[in-house]
Amino acid sequence: MDANLTKPAESSSADLGRRVRAARLAHDLTLETASRLCGVSRSTLSKIENGLMSPTFDVLQKIVVGLKIDLGELFGSTPKLSASGRRALTRKDAGQRHAYRGYQMELLATDLAHKAMLPFRIRISAHTLDAFDDWGRHEGEEFLYVISGSVRLYSELYAPTDLNAGDSLYFDSRTGHAAISTSDEDAEVLWMATNVEMPRPPGESKS
C-alpha cells in the first residue's frame, strides 16, 4: 500500500467549504437559492461551507452542476479549456485529495475542464458498511479497477461482488452502491465516473 494515500487530505473540509461559499457568492446566490439549484438541503450546504461536513462524491456532483463550476475548482485547481488535443499529466501523488468517511480520494487530471470522465485513485479504508450513511448514487456510469487488496461492491440490484487485485467492474451509477475493503490492509483502486453534463461558457460548442 502506498503510504502517500494515508497522509491527511491536502484539501481540508474547511478549504473545500470556503471554495463552495466563494462559488455561491460569485453568482450572488443565497443559501436557499443555491440549495434549490444544487438539489442539496440548505442545512447540508451550510455545514459544507462552514467546514463541518465532508461531502460525498454524489453531493459534490450536485454542487458543481448547480453552481456552474468544474469539480477541479473545488479542489483549488484552475481547469483549462482547449478545443482539441486535450491531455492531462498527473504525477504520482500530485492529484487533489478529498476524504469522506471510508474513502481517501485523489482526484486526477484536475487541470482539464469539462472532462467526460472523472478519474480517482482511492484508498478504501471502510471495512464494513457501517462506515456509510446511505448508498452512493448519481447520474452516469462508473468503472472500478482494483490495484491492490480486495474489495466487495454492494449494490441495490445485485448480490455483493468480490473483486481482487486485477479485477474490474463497470456499472450504472444510478444504482445505489458502496464499496468496502475485505483484505486486512486497505484496498487501493482506480475509480472512474462519467461526468454529468457540465455548463459551458457562451460560444463554446460541443464537440
N, C-alpha and C. Protein backbone atom coordinates (compact mmCIF):
# COMPACT_ATOMS: atom_id res chain seq x y z
N MET A 1 0.84 -1.20 0.00
CA MET A 1 0.00 0.00 0.00
C MET A 1 0.88 1.24 0.00
N ASP A 2 0.56 2.18 -0.87
CA ASP A 2 1.32 3.42 -0.97
C ASP A 2 1.04 4.28 0.26
N ALA A 3 2.11 4.58 1.01
CA ALA A 3 1.93 5.35 2.25
C ALA A 3 1.41 6.74 2.00
N ASN A 4 1.62 7.27 0.78
CA ASN A 4 1.20 8.66 0.50
C ASN A 4 -0.32 8.81 0.55
N LEU A 5 -1.06 7.75 0.26
CA LEU A 5 -2.52 7.84 0.31
C LEU A 5 -3.03 7.87 1.75
N THR A 6 -2.16 7.55 2.71
CA THR A 6 -2.59 7.59 4.10
C THR A 6 -2.35 8.95 4.73
N LYS A 7 -1.71 9.86 3.99
CA LYS A 7 -1.46 11.19 4.52
C LYS A 7 -2.76 11.98 4.62
N PRO A 8 -2.85 12.97 5.50
CA PRO A 8 -4.05 13.79 5.60
C PRO A 8 -4.36 14.43 4.26
N ALA A 9 -5.66 14.59 3.94
CA ALA A 9 -6.06 15.19 2.67
C ALA A 9 -5.58 16.62 2.59
N GLU A 10 -5.01 16.97 1.43
CA GLU A 10 -4.48 18.31 1.25
C GLU A 10 -5.60 19.33 1.21
N SER A 11 -6.73 18.95 0.60
CA SER A 11 -7.88 19.85 0.56
C SER A 11 -8.77 19.53 1.74
N SER A 12 -8.64 20.27 2.81
CA SER A 12 -9.42 20.02 4.02
C SER A 12 -10.87 20.41 3.78
N SER A 13 -11.72 19.94 4.70
CA SER A 13 -13.14 20.31 4.61
C SER A 13 -13.31 21.82 4.67
N ALA A 14 -12.46 22.49 5.47
CA ALA A 14 -12.56 23.94 5.59
C ALA A 14 -12.22 24.62 4.28
N ASP A 15 -11.14 24.18 3.62
CA ASP A 15 -10.75 24.76 2.33
C ASP A 15 -11.83 24.54 1.29
N LEU A 16 -12.35 23.32 1.25
CA LEU A 16 -13.41 22.99 0.30
C LEU A 16 -14.63 23.84 0.56
N GLY A 17 -14.98 24.00 1.84
CA GLY A 17 -16.15 24.80 2.19
C GLY A 17 -16.01 26.24 1.76
N ARG A 18 -14.81 26.81 1.93
CA ARG A 18 -14.58 28.20 1.51
C ARG A 18 -14.75 28.35 0.00
N ARG A 19 -14.34 27.36 -0.74
CA ARG A 19 -14.46 27.44 -2.21
C ARG A 19 -15.92 27.29 -2.65
N VAL A 20 -16.66 26.45 -1.96
CA VAL A 20 -18.10 26.33 -2.26
C VAL A 20 -18.79 27.66 -1.99
N ARG A 21 -18.49 28.26 -0.85
CA ARG A 21 -19.09 29.55 -0.50
C ARG A 21 -18.70 30.63 -1.51
N ALA A 22 -17.42 30.66 -1.91
CA ALA A 22 -16.97 31.65 -2.87
C ALA A 22 -17.69 31.48 -4.21
N ALA A 23 -17.89 30.22 -4.62
CA ALA A 23 -18.59 29.96 -5.89
C ALA A 23 -20.04 30.42 -5.80
N ARG A 24 -20.66 30.18 -4.65
CA ARG A 24 -22.06 30.62 -4.47
C ARG A 24 -22.17 32.13 -4.49
N LEU A 25 -21.28 32.81 -3.78
CA LEU A 25 -21.34 34.27 -3.72
C LEU A 25 -20.98 34.90 -5.06
N ALA A 26 -20.14 34.22 -5.84
CA ALA A 26 -19.77 34.73 -7.15
C ALA A 26 -21.00 34.83 -8.06
N HIS A 27 -22.00 33.98 -7.80
CA HIS A 27 -23.25 34.01 -8.55
C HIS A 27 -24.32 34.81 -7.82
N ASP A 28 -23.93 35.45 -6.71
CA ASP A 28 -24.85 36.26 -5.92
C ASP A 28 -26.08 35.45 -5.50
N LEU A 29 -25.83 34.24 -5.00
CA LEU A 29 -26.91 33.35 -4.60
C LEU A 29 -26.99 33.27 -3.07
N THR A 30 -28.19 33.24 -2.57
CA THR A 30 -28.38 32.97 -1.14
C THR A 30 -28.24 31.46 -0.92
N LEU A 31 -28.09 31.07 0.33
CA LEU A 31 -28.03 29.64 0.63
C LEU A 31 -29.30 28.93 0.18
N GLU A 32 -30.43 29.60 0.37
CA GLU A 32 -31.72 29.00 0.00
C GLU A 32 -31.79 28.76 -1.50
N THR A 33 -31.39 29.76 -2.28
CA THR A 33 -31.44 29.62 -3.74
C THR A 33 -30.45 28.58 -4.23
N ALA A 34 -29.23 28.62 -3.69
CA ALA A 34 -28.21 27.65 -4.08
C ALA A 34 -28.65 26.24 -3.73
N SER A 35 -29.32 26.10 -2.61
CA SER A 35 -29.83 24.80 -2.19
C SER A 35 -30.79 24.23 -3.22
N ARG A 36 -31.70 25.07 -3.71
CA ARG A 36 -32.66 24.62 -4.72
C ARG A 36 -31.97 24.27 -6.03
N LEU A 37 -31.00 25.10 -6.45
CA LEU A 37 -30.30 24.86 -7.71
C LEU A 37 -29.47 23.58 -7.68
N CYS A 38 -28.88 23.30 -6.52
CA CYS A 38 -28.00 22.14 -6.39
C CYS A 38 -28.75 20.86 -6.03
N GLY A 39 -29.95 21.00 -5.50
CA GLY A 39 -30.66 19.82 -5.03
C GLY A 39 -30.05 19.26 -3.77
N VAL A 40 -29.45 20.16 -2.96
CA VAL A 40 -28.83 19.80 -1.69
C VAL A 40 -29.52 20.61 -0.60
N SER A 41 -29.84 20.00 0.51
CA SER A 41 -30.56 20.72 1.56
C SER A 41 -29.77 21.92 2.05
N ARG A 42 -30.50 22.94 2.50
CA ARG A 42 -29.85 24.17 2.97
C ARG A 42 -28.91 23.89 4.13
N SER A 43 -29.34 23.02 5.05
CA SER A 43 -28.51 22.72 6.21
C SER A 43 -27.23 22.00 5.80
N THR A 44 -27.34 21.09 4.83
CA THR A 44 -26.15 20.37 4.36
C THR A 44 -25.18 21.33 3.69
N LEU A 45 -25.71 22.22 2.84
CA LEU A 45 -24.87 23.18 2.15
C LEU A 45 -24.18 24.11 3.14
N SER A 46 -24.91 24.53 4.16
CA SER A 46 -24.34 25.40 5.18
C SER A 46 -23.21 24.70 5.94
N LYS A 47 -23.42 23.44 6.29
CA LYS A 47 -22.39 22.68 7.00
C LYS A 47 -21.14 22.51 6.15
N ILE A 48 -21.33 22.27 4.85
CA ILE A 48 -20.19 22.13 3.94
C ILE A 48 -19.40 23.43 3.87
N GLU A 49 -20.12 24.54 3.71
CA GLU A 49 -19.46 25.84 3.59
C GLU A 49 -18.68 26.19 4.86
N ASN A 50 -19.15 25.73 5.99
CA ASN A 50 -18.50 26.05 7.27
C ASN A 50 -17.50 24.98 7.70
N GLY A 51 -17.22 24.05 6.79
CA GLY A 51 -16.22 23.03 7.09
C GLY A 51 -16.65 22.02 8.12
N LEU A 52 -17.96 21.88 8.34
CA LEU A 52 -18.47 20.96 9.35
C LEU A 52 -18.86 19.62 8.77
N MET A 53 -18.82 19.52 7.44
CA MET A 53 -19.20 18.28 6.79
C MET A 53 -18.34 18.06 5.56
N SER A 54 -17.87 16.83 5.38
CA SER A 54 -17.12 16.47 4.17
C SER A 54 -18.11 15.82 3.20
N PRO A 55 -18.39 16.46 2.06
CA PRO A 55 -19.44 15.96 1.16
C PRO A 55 -19.05 14.69 0.42
N THR A 56 -20.05 13.88 0.14
CA THR A 56 -19.84 12.69 -0.68
C THR A 56 -19.62 13.11 -2.13
N PHE A 57 -19.17 12.17 -2.94
CA PHE A 57 -18.99 12.46 -4.37
C PHE A 57 -20.33 12.84 -5.01
N ASP A 58 -21.41 12.16 -4.58
CA ASP A 58 -22.73 12.48 -5.12
C ASP A 58 -23.09 13.93 -4.88
N VAL A 59 -22.84 14.41 -3.66
CA VAL A 59 -23.16 15.80 -3.32
C VAL A 59 -22.24 16.76 -4.07
N LEU A 60 -20.97 16.42 -4.21
CA LEU A 60 -20.04 17.26 -4.96
C LEU A 60 -20.53 17.46 -6.39
N GLN A 61 -21.01 16.38 -7.00
CA GLN A 61 -21.53 16.48 -8.37
C GLN A 61 -22.71 17.44 -8.44
N LYS A 62 -23.59 17.36 -7.48
CA LYS A 62 -24.76 18.24 -7.47
C LYS A 62 -24.33 19.70 -7.31
N ILE A 63 -23.33 19.94 -6.49
CA ILE A 63 -22.87 21.31 -6.25
C ILE A 63 -22.23 21.91 -7.50
N VAL A 64 -21.37 21.15 -8.18
CA VAL A 64 -20.69 21.72 -9.35
C VAL A 64 -21.67 22.01 -10.47
N VAL A 65 -22.71 21.18 -10.59
CA VAL A 65 -23.72 21.44 -11.62
C VAL A 65 -24.58 22.63 -11.23
N GLY A 66 -25.02 22.66 -9.98
CA GLY A 66 -25.90 23.74 -9.53
C GLY A 66 -25.23 25.09 -9.54
N LEU A 67 -23.93 25.14 -9.20
CA LEU A 67 -23.20 26.42 -9.15
C LEU A 67 -22.43 26.70 -10.44
N LYS A 68 -22.57 25.82 -11.43
CA LYS A 68 -21.96 26.01 -12.75
C LYS A 68 -20.44 26.20 -12.66
N ILE A 69 -19.80 25.27 -11.98
CA ILE A 69 -18.35 25.27 -11.89
C ILE A 69 -17.84 23.88 -12.21
N ASP A 70 -16.53 23.74 -12.33
CA ASP A 70 -15.92 22.45 -12.59
C ASP A 70 -15.48 21.83 -11.27
N LEU A 71 -15.52 20.51 -11.18
CA LEU A 71 -15.15 19.84 -9.94
C LEU A 71 -13.75 20.22 -9.48
N GLY A 72 -12.83 20.37 -10.41
CA GLY A 72 -11.47 20.72 -10.05
C GLY A 72 -11.35 22.04 -9.32
N GLU A 73 -12.26 22.97 -9.59
CA GLU A 73 -12.23 24.28 -8.93
C GLU A 73 -12.46 24.16 -7.43
N LEU A 74 -13.22 23.16 -7.02
CA LEU A 74 -13.48 22.97 -5.60
C LEU A 74 -12.24 22.46 -4.87
N PHE A 75 -11.26 21.99 -5.62
CA PHE A 75 -10.04 21.45 -5.01
C PHE A 75 -8.86 22.38 -5.22
N GLY A 76 -9.14 23.62 -5.65
CA GLY A 76 -8.08 24.61 -5.74
C GLY A 76 -7.35 24.68 -7.06
N SER A 77 -7.75 23.88 -8.04
CA SER A 77 -7.08 23.95 -9.34
C SER A 77 -7.86 24.87 -10.27
N THR A 78 -7.21 25.27 -11.37
CA THR A 78 -7.85 26.11 -12.38
C THR A 78 -7.90 25.35 -13.69
N PRO A 79 -8.97 24.59 -13.91
CA PRO A 79 -9.06 23.77 -15.11
C PRO A 79 -8.99 24.60 -16.39
N LYS A 80 -8.36 24.03 -17.41
CA LYS A 80 -8.19 24.73 -18.69
C LYS A 80 -9.11 24.13 -19.74
N LEU A 81 -9.55 25.00 -20.63
CA LEU A 81 -10.35 24.58 -21.77
C LEU A 81 -9.48 24.57 -23.01
N SER A 82 -9.68 23.59 -23.86
CA SER A 82 -8.97 23.57 -25.14
C SER A 82 -9.86 22.90 -26.16
N ALA A 83 -9.73 23.32 -27.41
CA ALA A 83 -10.62 22.82 -28.45
C ALA A 83 -10.26 21.41 -28.89
N SER A 84 -8.97 21.08 -28.93
CA SER A 84 -8.56 19.77 -29.41
C SER A 84 -7.22 19.39 -28.78
N GLY A 85 -6.84 18.14 -28.98
CA GLY A 85 -5.57 17.67 -28.47
C GLY A 85 -5.47 17.72 -26.96
N ARG A 86 -6.59 17.47 -26.29
CA ARG A 86 -6.60 17.56 -24.82
C ARG A 86 -5.78 16.45 -24.18
N ARG A 87 -5.03 16.80 -23.15
CA ARG A 87 -4.31 15.81 -22.36
C ARG A 87 -4.01 16.40 -20.99
N ALA A 88 -3.83 15.53 -20.02
CA ALA A 88 -3.52 15.99 -18.66
C ALA A 88 -2.59 14.98 -18.01
N LEU A 89 -1.46 15.44 -17.55
CA LEU A 89 -0.49 14.60 -16.87
C LEU A 89 -0.57 14.85 -15.36
N THR A 90 -0.77 13.78 -14.60
CA THR A 90 -0.77 13.89 -13.15
C THR A 90 0.36 13.02 -12.61
N ARG A 91 1.36 13.66 -12.01
CA ARG A 91 2.47 12.92 -11.43
C ARG A 91 2.01 12.18 -10.18
N LYS A 92 2.79 11.19 -9.77
CA LYS A 92 2.47 10.38 -8.61
C LYS A 92 2.23 11.27 -7.38
N ASP A 93 1.09 11.04 -6.74
CA ASP A 93 0.69 11.74 -5.51
C ASP A 93 0.48 13.23 -5.70
N ALA A 94 0.28 13.68 -6.95
CA ALA A 94 0.11 15.11 -7.22
C ALA A 94 -1.35 15.47 -7.49
N GLY A 95 -2.28 14.53 -7.32
CA GLY A 95 -3.68 14.84 -7.52
C GLY A 95 -4.26 15.61 -6.35
N GLN A 96 -5.51 16.04 -6.51
CA GLN A 96 -6.20 16.80 -5.46
C GLN A 96 -6.92 15.82 -4.54
N ARG A 97 -6.73 15.97 -3.23
CA ARG A 97 -7.24 14.99 -2.28
C ARG A 97 -8.54 15.43 -1.61
N HIS A 98 -9.35 14.42 -1.32
CA HIS A 98 -10.60 14.65 -0.61
C HIS A 98 -10.93 13.39 0.17
N ALA A 99 -11.25 13.55 1.44
CA ALA A 99 -11.56 12.39 2.29
C ALA A 99 -13.04 12.41 2.65
N TYR A 100 -13.67 11.25 2.57
CA TYR A 100 -15.05 11.13 3.03
C TYR A 100 -15.23 9.75 3.65
N ARG A 101 -15.45 9.74 4.94
CA ARG A 101 -15.70 8.50 5.67
C ARG A 101 -14.73 7.40 5.27
N GLY A 102 -15.20 6.37 4.56
CA GLY A 102 -14.35 5.22 4.26
C GLY A 102 -13.48 5.35 3.03
N TYR A 103 -13.48 6.53 2.40
CA TYR A 103 -12.70 6.71 1.17
C TYR A 103 -11.68 7.85 1.33
N GLN A 104 -10.44 7.57 0.96
CA GLN A 104 -9.41 8.61 0.83
C GLN A 104 -9.20 8.80 -0.67
N MET A 105 -9.72 9.89 -1.22
CA MET A 105 -9.80 10.06 -2.66
C MET A 105 -8.72 11.02 -3.18
N GLU A 106 -8.16 10.67 -4.32
CA GLU A 106 -7.23 11.56 -5.01
C GLU A 106 -7.78 11.78 -6.42
N LEU A 107 -8.25 12.98 -6.67
CA LEU A 107 -8.81 13.33 -7.97
C LEU A 107 -7.67 13.60 -8.95
N LEU A 108 -7.70 12.95 -10.11
CA LEU A 108 -6.65 13.06 -11.10
C LEU A 108 -7.08 13.94 -12.27
N ALA A 109 -6.11 14.41 -13.04
CA ALA A 109 -6.37 15.21 -14.24
C ALA A 109 -7.23 16.44 -13.93
N THR A 110 -6.89 17.14 -12.85
CA THR A 110 -7.70 18.28 -12.44
C THR A 110 -7.46 19.54 -13.28
N ASP A 111 -6.45 19.51 -14.15
CA ASP A 111 -6.17 20.71 -14.95
C ASP A 111 -6.99 20.78 -16.22
N LEU A 112 -7.89 19.83 -16.45
CA LEU A 112 -8.77 19.87 -17.61
C LEU A 112 -10.21 20.10 -17.15
N ALA A 113 -10.88 21.04 -17.81
CA ALA A 113 -12.29 21.30 -17.51
C ALA A 113 -13.19 20.49 -18.45
N HIS A 114 -14.42 20.26 -18.02
CA HIS A 114 -15.44 19.57 -18.83
C HIS A 114 -14.94 18.21 -19.32
N LYS A 115 -14.33 17.44 -18.44
CA LYS A 115 -13.89 16.09 -18.80
C LYS A 115 -15.10 15.18 -18.93
N ALA A 116 -15.02 14.24 -19.86
CA ALA A 116 -16.08 13.24 -19.99
C ALA A 116 -16.01 12.21 -18.87
N MET A 117 -14.80 12.07 -18.28
CA MET A 117 -14.61 11.13 -17.19
C MET A 117 -13.98 11.83 -16.00
N LEU A 118 -14.28 11.34 -14.81
CA LEU A 118 -13.66 11.84 -13.59
C LEU A 118 -12.86 10.69 -12.98
N PRO A 119 -11.54 10.71 -13.13
CA PRO A 119 -10.72 9.61 -12.62
C PRO A 119 -10.24 9.86 -11.18
N PHE A 120 -10.33 8.84 -10.35
CA PHE A 120 -9.90 8.91 -8.96
C PHE A 120 -8.99 7.72 -8.64
N ARG A 121 -8.01 7.97 -7.80
CA ARG A 121 -7.26 6.91 -7.14
C ARG A 121 -7.77 6.94 -5.70
N ILE A 122 -8.26 5.82 -5.23
CA ILE A 122 -8.93 5.80 -3.93
C ILE A 122 -8.38 4.70 -3.03
N ARG A 123 -8.12 5.06 -1.78
CA ARG A 123 -7.82 4.08 -0.76
C ARG A 123 -9.11 3.84 0.01
N ILE A 124 -9.59 2.61 0.00
CA ILE A 124 -10.83 2.27 0.69
C ILE A 124 -10.49 1.80 2.09
N SER A 125 -10.75 2.67 3.07
CA SER A 125 -10.43 2.34 4.46
C SER A 125 -11.62 1.73 5.19
N ALA A 126 -12.81 1.80 4.58
CA ALA A 126 -14.00 1.19 5.18
C ALA A 126 -13.92 -0.33 5.05
N HIS A 127 -14.16 -1.03 6.14
CA HIS A 127 -14.15 -2.49 6.12
C HIS A 127 -15.52 -3.08 6.43
N THR A 128 -16.49 -2.22 6.73
CA THR A 128 -17.88 -2.64 6.90
C THR A 128 -18.78 -1.55 6.34
N LEU A 129 -20.03 -1.90 6.08
CA LEU A 129 -20.98 -0.92 5.55
C LEU A 129 -21.38 0.12 6.60
N ASP A 130 -21.03 -0.12 7.84
CA ASP A 130 -21.35 0.84 8.90
C ASP A 130 -20.68 2.19 8.68
N ALA A 131 -19.67 2.23 7.80
CA ALA A 131 -18.96 3.48 7.53
C ALA A 131 -19.81 4.45 6.71
N PHE A 132 -20.90 3.97 6.13
CA PHE A 132 -21.69 4.81 5.23
C PHE A 132 -23.10 5.04 5.74
N ASP A 133 -23.62 6.24 5.47
CA ASP A 133 -24.98 6.58 5.87
C ASP A 133 -26.01 5.99 4.91
N ASP A 134 -25.64 5.93 3.64
CA ASP A 134 -26.61 5.56 2.60
C ASP A 134 -25.85 5.08 1.38
N TRP A 135 -26.58 4.57 0.40
CA TRP A 135 -25.98 4.19 -0.86
C TRP A 135 -25.44 5.42 -1.58
N GLY A 136 -24.39 5.23 -2.36
CA GLY A 136 -23.96 6.27 -3.29
C GLY A 136 -24.75 6.10 -4.57
N ARG A 137 -25.23 7.18 -5.13
CA ARG A 137 -25.94 7.09 -6.42
C ARG A 137 -25.94 8.47 -7.06
N HIS A 138 -25.76 8.49 -8.37
CA HIS A 138 -25.76 9.74 -9.13
C HIS A 138 -25.86 9.39 -10.60
N GLU A 139 -26.01 10.38 -11.45
CA GLU A 139 -26.12 10.15 -12.87
C GLU A 139 -24.79 9.63 -13.43
N GLY A 140 -24.87 8.84 -14.50
CA GLY A 140 -23.67 8.39 -15.19
C GLY A 140 -23.35 6.93 -14.99
N GLU A 141 -22.12 6.56 -15.34
CA GLU A 141 -21.64 5.19 -15.23
C GLU A 141 -20.26 5.21 -14.58
N GLU A 142 -19.85 4.07 -14.02
CA GLU A 142 -18.57 4.01 -13.31
C GLU A 142 -17.78 2.77 -13.68
N PHE A 143 -16.46 2.88 -13.51
CA PHE A 143 -15.55 1.77 -13.75
C PHE A 143 -14.61 1.68 -12.55
N LEU A 144 -14.52 0.49 -11.98
CA LEU A 144 -13.70 0.25 -10.80
C LEU A 144 -12.66 -0.82 -11.11
N TYR A 145 -11.38 -0.50 -10.87
CA TYR A 145 -10.29 -1.44 -11.10
C TYR A 145 -9.49 -1.56 -9.81
N VAL A 146 -9.31 -2.77 -9.32
CA VAL A 146 -8.61 -2.99 -8.06
C VAL A 146 -7.11 -3.05 -8.30
N ILE A 147 -6.38 -2.14 -7.68
CA ILE A 147 -4.92 -2.10 -7.80
C ILE A 147 -4.27 -3.03 -6.79
N SER A 148 -4.73 -2.98 -5.54
CA SER A 148 -4.19 -3.86 -4.51
C SER A 148 -5.24 -4.12 -3.46
N GLY A 149 -5.08 -5.23 -2.73
CA GLY A 149 -6.07 -5.60 -1.74
C GLY A 149 -7.27 -6.27 -2.40
N SER A 150 -8.35 -6.38 -1.67
CA SER A 150 -9.58 -6.95 -2.20
C SER A 150 -10.76 -6.08 -1.79
N VAL A 151 -11.79 -6.08 -2.63
CA VAL A 151 -12.93 -5.17 -2.48
C VAL A 151 -14.23 -5.95 -2.61
N ARG A 152 -15.23 -5.52 -1.85
CA ARG A 152 -16.59 -6.05 -2.05
C ARG A 152 -17.49 -4.87 -2.40
N LEU A 153 -18.11 -4.95 -3.57
CA LEU A 153 -19.03 -3.89 -4.01
C LEU A 153 -20.45 -4.33 -3.73
N TYR A 154 -21.15 -3.56 -2.92
CA TYR A 154 -22.55 -3.80 -2.63
C TYR A 154 -23.41 -2.98 -3.59
N SER A 155 -24.56 -3.54 -3.96
CA SER A 155 -25.44 -2.88 -4.92
C SER A 155 -26.89 -3.14 -4.54
N GLU A 156 -27.75 -2.20 -4.90
CA GLU A 156 -29.18 -2.38 -4.66
C GLU A 156 -29.77 -3.51 -5.50
N LEU A 157 -29.21 -3.74 -6.67
CA LEU A 157 -29.81 -4.68 -7.62
C LEU A 157 -29.10 -6.02 -7.72
N TYR A 158 -27.86 -6.10 -7.26
CA TYR A 158 -27.09 -7.33 -7.42
C TYR A 158 -26.57 -7.83 -6.08
N ALA A 159 -26.24 -9.11 -6.05
CA ALA A 159 -25.59 -9.67 -4.87
C ALA A 159 -24.21 -9.03 -4.73
N PRO A 160 -23.66 -8.96 -3.50
CA PRO A 160 -22.33 -8.38 -3.33
C PRO A 160 -21.31 -9.05 -4.25
N THR A 161 -20.45 -8.23 -4.85
CA THR A 161 -19.44 -8.73 -5.79
C THR A 161 -18.06 -8.56 -5.20
N ASP A 162 -17.31 -9.66 -5.09
CA ASP A 162 -15.96 -9.62 -4.55
C ASP A 162 -14.95 -9.47 -5.69
N LEU A 163 -14.03 -8.53 -5.51
CA LEU A 163 -13.02 -8.22 -6.52
C LEU A 163 -11.64 -8.28 -5.89
N ASN A 164 -10.70 -8.89 -6.59
CA ASN A 164 -9.32 -8.96 -6.15
C ASN A 164 -8.44 -8.11 -7.06
N ALA A 165 -7.17 -7.94 -6.69
CA ALA A 165 -6.25 -7.13 -7.49
C ALA A 165 -6.27 -7.62 -8.94
N GLY A 166 -6.46 -6.68 -9.86
CA GLY A 166 -6.53 -7.01 -11.28
C GLY A 166 -7.94 -7.16 -11.81
N ASP A 167 -8.93 -7.33 -10.91
CA ASP A 167 -10.33 -7.43 -11.32
C ASP A 167 -10.90 -6.03 -11.53
N SER A 168 -11.94 -5.96 -12.37
CA SER A 168 -12.59 -4.68 -12.63
C SER A 168 -14.08 -4.88 -12.80
N LEU A 169 -14.82 -3.78 -12.66
CA LEU A 169 -16.27 -3.83 -12.78
C LEU A 169 -16.77 -2.50 -13.35
N TYR A 170 -17.69 -2.58 -14.28
CA TYR A 170 -18.32 -1.41 -14.91
C TYR A 170 -19.79 -1.46 -14.52
N PHE A 171 -20.35 -0.33 -14.04
CA PHE A 171 -21.73 -0.38 -13.58
C PHE A 171 -22.43 0.97 -13.71
N ASP A 172 -23.75 0.93 -13.60
CA ASP A 172 -24.61 2.11 -13.68
C ASP A 172 -24.57 2.85 -12.36
N SER A 173 -24.16 4.13 -12.39
CA SER A 173 -24.02 4.92 -11.17
C SER A 173 -25.36 5.21 -10.50
N ARG A 174 -26.45 5.11 -11.26
CA ARG A 174 -27.77 5.43 -10.70
C ARG A 174 -28.25 4.35 -9.74
N THR A 175 -27.66 3.17 -9.83
CA THR A 175 -27.98 2.09 -8.91
C THR A 175 -27.21 2.31 -7.62
N GLY A 176 -27.88 2.31 -6.48
CA GLY A 176 -27.21 2.53 -5.20
C GLY A 176 -26.05 1.56 -5.02
N HIS A 177 -24.91 2.07 -4.54
CA HIS A 177 -23.72 1.24 -4.42
C HIS A 177 -22.81 1.72 -3.29
N ALA A 178 -21.97 0.83 -2.81
CA ALA A 178 -20.96 1.16 -1.81
C ALA A 178 -19.89 0.08 -1.86
N ALA A 179 -18.64 0.48 -1.65
CA ALA A 179 -17.52 -0.47 -1.71
C ALA A 179 -16.77 -0.47 -0.39
N ILE A 180 -16.38 -1.66 0.06
CA ILE A 180 -15.56 -1.79 1.26
C ILE A 180 -14.34 -2.65 0.95
N SER A 181 -13.32 -2.54 1.79
CA SER A 181 -12.15 -3.39 1.66
C SER A 181 -12.38 -4.67 2.46
N THR A 182 -12.10 -5.82 1.83
CA THR A 182 -12.25 -7.10 2.53
C THR A 182 -10.89 -7.71 2.85
N SER A 183 -9.82 -7.04 2.45
CA SER A 183 -8.48 -7.51 2.80
C SER A 183 -8.07 -6.91 4.14
N ASP A 184 -7.04 -7.50 4.76
CA ASP A 184 -6.58 -6.98 6.04
C ASP A 184 -6.11 -5.53 5.89
N GLU A 185 -5.43 -5.25 4.79
CA GLU A 185 -4.99 -3.88 4.52
C GLU A 185 -6.09 -3.14 3.76
N ASP A 186 -6.03 -1.83 3.75
CA ASP A 186 -6.96 -1.03 2.96
C ASP A 186 -6.72 -1.32 1.48
N ALA A 187 -7.79 -1.45 0.73
CA ALA A 187 -7.67 -1.69 -0.71
C ALA A 187 -7.38 -0.37 -1.43
N GLU A 188 -6.68 -0.48 -2.55
CA GLU A 188 -6.42 0.69 -3.38
C GLU A 188 -7.01 0.43 -4.76
N VAL A 189 -7.76 1.39 -5.28
CA VAL A 189 -8.45 1.19 -6.55
C VAL A 189 -8.32 2.41 -7.45
N LEU A 190 -8.48 2.17 -8.74
CA LEU A 190 -8.69 3.23 -9.72
C LEU A 190 -10.18 3.25 -9.98
N TRP A 191 -10.81 4.41 -9.74
CA TRP A 191 -12.27 4.53 -9.84
C TRP A 191 -12.56 5.66 -10.81
N MET A 192 -13.31 5.36 -11.85
CA MET A 192 -13.63 6.37 -12.86
C MET A 192 -15.14 6.51 -12.98
N ALA A 193 -15.60 7.76 -13.04
CA ALA A 193 -17.03 8.04 -13.19
C ALA A 193 -17.22 8.96 -14.37
N THR A 194 -18.26 8.71 -15.16
CA THR A 194 -18.56 9.64 -16.25
C THR A 194 -19.10 10.92 -15.64
N ASN A 195 -18.71 12.03 -16.20
CA ASN A 195 -19.12 13.33 -15.69
C ASN A 195 -20.54 13.63 -16.13
N VAL A 196 -21.26 14.37 -15.29
CA VAL A 196 -22.57 14.85 -15.71
C VAL A 196 -22.35 15.96 -16.74
N GLU A 197 -23.36 16.30 -17.50
CA GLU A 197 -23.23 17.37 -18.50
C GLU A 197 -22.92 18.68 -17.80
N MET A 198 -21.75 19.21 -18.09
CA MET A 198 -21.32 20.43 -17.43
C MET A 198 -21.72 21.66 -18.23
N PRO A 199 -22.11 22.76 -17.56
CA PRO A 199 -22.39 24.01 -18.27
C PRO A 199 -21.13 24.53 -18.92
N ARG A 200 -21.26 25.06 -20.14
CA ARG A 200 -20.10 25.54 -20.89
C ARG A 200 -20.18 27.04 -21.11
N PRO A 201 -19.03 27.69 -21.24
CA PRO A 201 -19.02 29.13 -21.47
C PRO A 201 -19.77 29.48 -22.75
N PRO A 202 -20.38 30.67 -22.83
CA PRO A 202 -21.09 31.09 -24.04
C PRO A 202 -20.17 31.03 -25.25
N GLY A 203 -20.71 30.47 -26.32
CA GLY A 203 -19.94 30.41 -27.56
C GLY A 203 -19.11 29.17 -27.71
N GLU A 204 -18.98 28.38 -26.62
CA GLU A 204 -18.21 27.14 -26.74
C GLU A 204 -19.14 26.03 -27.17
N SER A 205 -18.89 25.44 -28.32
CA SER A 205 -19.75 24.43 -28.86
C SER A 205 -19.32 23.05 -28.38
N LYS A 206 -20.27 22.12 -28.38
CA LYS A 206 -19.95 20.74 -28.04
C LYS A 206 -19.21 20.09 -29.20
N SER A 207 -18.26 19.26 -28.88
CA SER A 207 -17.54 18.55 -29.93
C SER A 207 -18.11 17.17 -30.11
